[in-house]
Amino acid sequence: MIQKQPVIGIIGGRGKTGSWFARFFKANGYQVLIADQHTKLTSEKLIARSDVVIFSLPIDITPEVIRELAPLAKPEQLWMDFTSIKTPAVNAMLRSQAEVIGCHPMFGPMVDSIVEQTVIVCPVRVKRWKGWWERLLKANKATVKISTPAEHDRMMAIVQGLTHFSAITIAHTLRELGVDIPASLSFTSPVYKIHLDMEGRILAQDPGLYAAIQVLNPETREVLHTHLQSVSKLFQTVEQRDLAAFIDYFQKAAEYLGDFKEQALAESNDLIKALVERQDKTT
């Protein structure tokens, strides 16, 4: 049972995600300490003064930093991380004496509010801190998804790995073809514009983050291998001008989505309507 308002320490608290959550905790009445490059407060001193220690660092260095600092942990502390890959960071935190929760906010630091944003929580070793983080998130109207690190990483190979891979390769295909992007938009359908918006959104961000999500998640390779096999199979139907095979491939994919297709139609219609209305206002 927690007896007092915890002091929150964020290692990497000057980064985009770290600074977002520093503001979040302060808005909820918590004292927040930050250790980062060029801060007077070191990670070691932050750990000594904090009740909750959060690692908000690049994916590729997070496990190593945690392992180096693990001997400084106290049994009464809670350690958490905010990385997109859970298993390596959680395993590193488990080397400490602290209680451990893996955490992945499924939104970027450009959002204004956590309301209705999904946060994946992996409570791995919790006793004294049981439920504290989930209650705080729900009090701020976030959507909490409880998971294990292994389940999280498998789903991220789909939710992030597959979708990012597809978007990046589509943009690279446009580059290889020498497509004039502004000219293509003059021919566009709303669906093409939305797809291009999503590709542009990803490619406007940090390539190092997206590289880590693709390369460092051990589950991604199998997912992408299966994707490439599916792409190759569909390409063969086009190359062979086999309409029946294409329709069969299409129908099997459609059947797998089931009732979600109707939801997708309704939601994408709303997106298209909003996009058209926005374009009308700018012309």
Protein backbone atom coordinates (compact mmCIF):
# COMPACT_ATOMS: atom_id res chain seq x y z
CA MET A 1 0.00 0.00 0.00
CA ILE A 2 1.37 3.42 -1.02
CA GLN A 3 1.37 5.80 1.97
CA LYS A 4 2.39 9.08 0.31
CA GLN A 5 2.34 10.86 -3.02
CA PRO A 6 5.17 9.21 -4.98
CA VAL A 7 8.07 11.16 -6.45
CA ILE A 8 8.34 10.36 -10.16
CA GLY A 9 11.78 10.16 -11.76
CA ILE A 10 12.07 10.07 -15.56
CA ILE A 11 15.39 9.03 -17.07
CA GLY A 12 15.26 10.57 -20.54
CA GLY A 13 12.77 13.15 -19.37
CA ARG A 14 13.87 15.80 -21.85
CA GLY A 15 12.93 13.65 -24.84
CA LYS A 16 9.58 14.10 -26.53
CA THR A 17 7.81 11.24 -24.76
CA GLY A 18 9.58 11.83 -21.46
CA SER A 19 8.72 15.52 -21.40
CA TRP A 20 5.08 14.76 -22.35
CA PHE A 21 4.72 12.45 -19.38
CA ALA A 22 6.57 14.87 -17.11
CA ARG A 23 3.81 17.37 -17.85
CA PHE A 24 1.19 14.65 -17.36
CA PHE A 25 2.47 13.73 -13.90
CA LYS A 26 2.84 17.37 -12.84
CA ALA A 27 -0.74 18.06 -13.96
CA ASN A 28 -1.80 15.22 -11.66
CA GLY A 29 -0.01 16.75 -8.69
CA TYR A 30 3.19 14.69 -8.64
CA GLN A 31 6.72 15.93 -8.07
CA VAL A 32 8.79 15.03 -11.12
CA LEU A 33 12.56 14.64 -11.35
CA ILE A 34 14.36 14.48 -14.70
CA ALA A 35 17.75 13.07 -15.61
CA ASP A 36 18.96 13.42 -19.17
CA GLN A 37 21.91 14.63 -21.16
CA HIS A 38 23.13 17.96 -19.79
CA THR A 39 21.00 17.85 -16.63
CA LYS A 40 22.65 18.45 -13.28
CA LEU A 41 20.71 15.55 -11.82
CA THR A 42 22.31 12.23 -12.74
CA SER A 43 20.42 8.98 -13.26
CA GLU A 44 22.03 7.58 -10.12
CA LYS A 45 20.88 10.49 -7.96
CA LEU A 46 17.42 10.40 -9.54
CA ILE A 47 17.02 6.75 -8.56
CA ALA A 48 18.06 7.54 -4.99
CA ARG A 49 15.38 10.26 -4.70
CA SER A 50 12.49 8.66 -6.63
CA ASP A 51 9.67 6.29 -5.75
CA VAL A 52 8.81 5.57 -9.37
CA VAL A 53 11.65 5.35 -11.90
CA ILE A 54 10.66 5.55 -15.58
CA PHE A 55 12.99 4.88 -18.50
CA SER A 56 12.01 6.94 -21.54
CA LEU A 57 14.97 6.30 -23.82
CA PRO A 58 15.69 5.10 -27.38
CA ILE A 59 14.75 1.44 -27.76
CA ASP A 60 18.25 0.28 -28.66
CA ILE A 61 19.92 1.58 -25.50
CA THR A 62 17.14 1.07 -22.94
CA PRO A 63 17.98 -2.50 -21.80
CA GLU A 64 21.69 -1.69 -21.43
CA VAL A 65 21.01 1.47 -19.40
CA ILE A 66 18.59 -0.43 -17.14
CA ARG A 67 21.08 -3.25 -16.56
CA GLU A 68 23.79 -0.77 -15.59
CA LEU A 69 21.49 0.95 -13.08
CA ALA A 70 19.71 -2.16 -11.76
CA PRO A 71 21.98 -2.57 -8.69
CA LEU A 72 20.77 0.84 -7.43
CA ALA A 73 17.11 -0.14 -7.27
CA LYS A 74 15.23 -0.39 -3.99
CA PRO A 75 12.63 -3.12 -3.28
CA GLU A 76 9.98 -0.49 -2.47
CA GLN A 77 10.40 1.29 -5.82
CA LEU A 78 8.44 0.83 -9.03
CA TRP A 79 10.43 0.72 -12.27
CA MET A 80 8.71 1.25 -15.63
CA ASP A 81 9.74 1.81 -19.25
CA PHE A 82 8.04 3.51 -22.19
CA THR A 83 9.64 1.62 -25.08
CA SER A 84 7.85 0.09 -28.08
CA ILE A 85 9.41 -3.33 -27.45
CA LYS A 86 8.73 -4.78 -24.05
CA THR A 87 10.58 -8.06 -23.53
CA PRO A 88 14.22 -6.81 -23.50
CA ALA A 89 13.46 -3.81 -21.26
CA VAL A 90 11.29 -5.79 -18.85
CA ASN A 91 13.89 -8.57 -18.56
CA ALA A 92 16.50 -5.94 -17.73
CA MET A 93 14.27 -4.36 -15.06
CA LEU A 94 13.66 -7.78 -13.52
CA ARG A 95 17.37 -7.91 -12.67
CA SER A 96 16.70 -5.16 -10.14
CA GLN A 97 15.01 -5.46 -6.74
CA ALA A 98 12.25 -3.05 -7.77
CA GLU A 99 8.70 -3.87 -8.74
CA VAL A 100 8.33 -3.87 -12.52
CA ILE A 101 5.72 -2.69 -15.02
CA GLY A 102 6.34 -2.49 -18.74
CA CYS A 103 4.40 0.32 -20.41
CA HIS A 104 3.83 1.37 -24.01
CA PRO A 105 1.83 4.55 -24.73
CA MET A 106 0.24 3.96 -28.14
CA PHE A 107 0.30 7.63 -29.09
CA GLY A 108 2.89 10.19 -30.02
CA PRO A 109 3.92 13.25 -28.04
CA MET A 110 2.08 15.49 -30.49
CA VAL A 111 -1.30 14.68 -28.90
CA ASP A 112 -2.71 17.22 -26.45
CA SER A 113 -4.47 14.81 -24.13
CA ILE A 114 -4.35 11.21 -22.97
CA VAL A 115 -8.16 10.98 -23.08
CA GLU A 116 -9.20 7.86 -25.05
CA GLN A 117 -5.56 7.15 -25.95
CA THR A 118 -4.48 3.53 -25.54
CA VAL A 119 -1.72 2.68 -23.07
CA ILE A 120 -0.52 -0.93 -22.93
CA VAL A 121 0.46 -2.00 -19.41
CA CYS A 122 2.46 -5.13 -18.59
CA PRO A 123 2.41 -5.65 -14.80
CA VAL A 124 5.20 -8.19 -14.41
CA ARG A 125 6.26 -7.97 -10.77
CA VAL A 126 3.95 -5.82 -8.68
CA LYS A 127 2.73 -6.00 -5.11
CA ARG A 128 2.95 -2.69 -3.26
CA TRP A 129 2.29 -0.79 -6.52
CA LYS A 130 -0.49 -3.05 -7.79
CA GLY A 131 -3.11 -1.02 -9.65
CA TRP A 132 -1.52 2.40 -9.04
CA TRP A 133 -0.55 3.10 -12.66
CA GLU A 134 -3.76 1.68 -14.11
CA ARG A 135 -5.89 3.78 -11.74
CA LEU A 136 -4.00 6.95 -12.65
CA LEU A 137 -4.42 6.29 -16.35
CA LYS A 138 -8.13 5.52 -16.03
CA ALA A 139 -8.67 8.60 -13.84
CA ASN A 140 -7.38 10.60 -16.81
CA LYS A 141 -9.75 8.68 -19.16
CA ALA A 142 -7.04 6.76 -20.98
CA THR A 143 -7.79 3.33 -22.43
CA VAL A 144 -5.75 0.70 -20.59
CA LYS A 145 -4.87 -2.63 -22.23
CA ILE A 146 -3.29 -5.20 -19.91
CA SER A 147 -0.82 -7.53 -21.63
CA THR A 148 2.24 -9.68 -21.13
CA PRO A 149 5.55 -8.52 -22.67
CA ALA A 150 5.54 -11.46 -25.11
CA GLU A 151 1.96 -10.81 -26.26
CA HIS A 152 2.74 -7.10 -26.60
CA ASP A 153 5.77 -7.70 -28.81
CA ARG A 154 3.88 -10.14 -31.01
CA MET A 155 1.04 -7.66 -31.54
CA MET A 156 3.45 -4.78 -32.14
CA ALA A 157 5.05 -6.79 -34.94
CA ILE A 158 1.62 -6.50 -36.60
CA VAL A 159 0.30 -3.13 -35.40
CA GLN A 160 3.60 -1.30 -35.93
CA GLY A 161 6.02 -3.56 -37.78
CA LEU A 162 3.75 -4.63 -40.62
CA THR A 163 1.97 -1.31 -41.12
CA HIS A 164 5.16 0.78 -40.95
CA PHE A 165 6.94 -1.61 -43.32
CA SER A 166 4.11 -1.34 -45.82
CA ALA A 167 4.01 2.47 -45.64
CA ILE A 168 7.76 2.88 -46.00
CA THR A 169 8.00 0.48 -48.94
CA ILE A 170 5.10 2.16 -50.75
CA ALA A 171 6.84 5.53 -50.44
CA HIS A 172 10.09 3.95 -51.64
CA THR A 173 8.24 2.47 -54.62
CA LEU A 174 7.00 5.96 -55.54
CA ARG A 175 10.61 7.15 -55.34
CA GLU A 176 11.87 4.31 -57.56
CA LEU A 177 9.15 5.08 -60.11
CA GLY A 178 9.98 8.80 -60.02
CA VAL A 179 6.37 9.70 -59.24
CA ASP A 180 5.70 13.42 -59.00
CA ILE A 181 3.82 13.51 -55.69
CA PRO A 182 2.05 16.88 -56.21
CA ALA A 183 1.08 15.79 -59.74
CA SER A 184 -0.29 12.50 -58.43
CA LEU A 185 -2.47 14.39 -55.98
CA SER A 186 -4.19 16.14 -58.85
CA PHE A 187 -5.35 12.70 -60.00
CA THR A 188 -6.13 11.48 -56.52
CA SER A 189 -9.05 9.70 -54.98
CA PRO A 190 -9.73 10.35 -51.28
CA VAL A 191 -8.45 6.86 -50.44
CA TYR A 192 -5.09 7.48 -52.16
CA LYS A 193 -4.79 10.80 -50.34
CA ILE A 194 -5.46 9.17 -46.96
CA HIS A 195 -2.92 6.45 -47.70
CA LEU A 196 -0.35 9.06 -48.71
CA ASP A 197 -1.11 11.06 -45.57
CA MET A 198 -0.35 8.00 -43.43
CA GLU A 199 2.90 7.33 -45.28
CA GLY A 200 3.89 10.97 -44.97
CA ARG A 201 3.02 10.97 -41.28
CA ILE A 202 5.37 8.05 -40.62
CA LEU A 203 8.18 9.40 -42.80
CA ALA A 204 7.98 12.83 -41.14
CA GLN A 205 9.17 11.29 -37.87
CA ASP A 206 12.40 9.89 -36.41
CA PRO A 207 13.91 7.21 -38.69
CA GLY A 208 15.92 5.80 -35.79
CA LEU A 209 12.72 4.99 -33.88
CA TYR A 210 11.17 3.24 -36.86
CA ALA A 211 14.40 1.34 -37.56
CA ALA A 212 14.44 0.06 -33.98
CA ILE A 213 10.79 -1.01 -34.16
CA GLN A 214 11.51 -2.99 -37.34
CA VAL A 215 14.91 -4.43 -36.50
CA LEU A 216 14.91 -5.00 -32.73
CA ASN A 217 11.52 -6.64 -32.21
CA PRO A 218 12.30 -10.38 -32.52
CA GLU A 219 8.73 -11.06 -33.67
CA THR A 220 8.84 -8.76 -36.71
CA ARG A 221 10.91 -10.94 -39.02
CA GLU A 222 8.35 -13.76 -39.15
CA VAL A 223 5.51 -11.30 -39.73
CA LEU A 224 7.33 -9.57 -42.59
CA HIS A 225 8.36 -12.89 -44.11
CA THR A 226 4.71 -13.92 -44.23
CA HIS A 227 3.79 -10.52 -45.69
CA LEU A 228 6.35 -10.85 -48.48
CA GLN A 229 5.02 -14.31 -49.33
CA SER A 230 1.51 -12.87 -49.57
CA VAL A 231 2.73 -9.99 -51.75
CA SER A 232 4.56 -12.42 -54.03
CA LYS A 233 1.47 -14.60 -54.40
CA LEU A 234 -0.73 -11.66 -55.35
CA PHE A 235 1.92 -10.34 -57.75
CA GLN A 236 1.92 -13.71 -59.54
CA THR A 237 -1.81 -13.44 -60.19
CA VAL A 238 -1.29 -9.99 -61.73
CA GLU A 239 1.74 -11.07 -63.75
CA GLN A 240 -0.15 -14.09 -65.07
CA ARG A 241 -3.27 -11.98 -65.76
CA ASP A 242 -5.29 -14.50 -63.74
CA LEU A 243 -8.54 -12.74 -62.82
CA ALA A 244 -10.04 -15.77 -61.09
CA ALA A 245 -6.98 -16.25 -58.87
CA PHE A 246 -6.99 -12.56 -57.97
CA ILE A 247 -10.68 -12.67 -57.03
CA ASP A 248 -10.11 -15.78 -54.92
CA TYR A 249 -7.19 -14.09 -53.10
CA PHE A 250 -9.32 -10.97 -52.57
CA GLN A 251 -12.34 -12.90 -51.28
CA LYS A 252 -10.27 -14.92 -48.81
CA ALA A 253 -8.83 -11.70 -47.38
CA ALA A 254 -12.29 -10.13 -47.24
CA GLU A 255 -13.78 -13.17 -45.49
CA TYR A 256 -11.03 -13.08 -42.88
CA LEU A 257 -11.92 -9.47 -41.95
CA GLY A 258 -15.53 -10.53 -41.46
CA ASP A 259 -17.88 -7.97 -39.91
CA PHE A 260 -15.02 -5.51 -39.40
CA LYS A 261 -15.42 -4.54 -43.08
CA GLU A 262 -18.68 -2.72 -42.30
CA GLN A 263 -17.08 -0.82 -39.43
CA ALA A 264 -14.14 0.03 -41.67
CA LEU A 265 -16.44 1.35 -44.38
CA ALA A 266 -18.30 3.59 -41.93
CA GLU A 267 -15.16 4.95 -40.28
CA SER A 268 -13.30 5.51 -43.55
CA ASN A 269 -16.36 7.27 -44.97
CA ASP A 270 -16.14 9.66 -42.02
CA LEU A 271 -12.44 10.24 -42.77
CA ILE A 272 -13.16 10.87 -46.43
CA LYS A 273 -15.97 13.28 -45.58
CA ALA A 274 -13.72 15.21 -43.20
CA LEU A 275 -10.92 15.31 -45.79
CA VAL A 276 -13.23 16.60 -48.54
CA GLU A 277 -14.68 19.26 -46.23
CA ARG A 278 -11.19 20.41 -45.27
CA GLN A 279 -10.15 20.63 -48.93
CA ASP A 280 -13.28 22.63 -49.74
CA LYS A 281 -12.33 25.17 -47.05
CA THR A 282 -8.85 25.65 -48.51
CA THR A 283 -9.99 26.18 -52.10
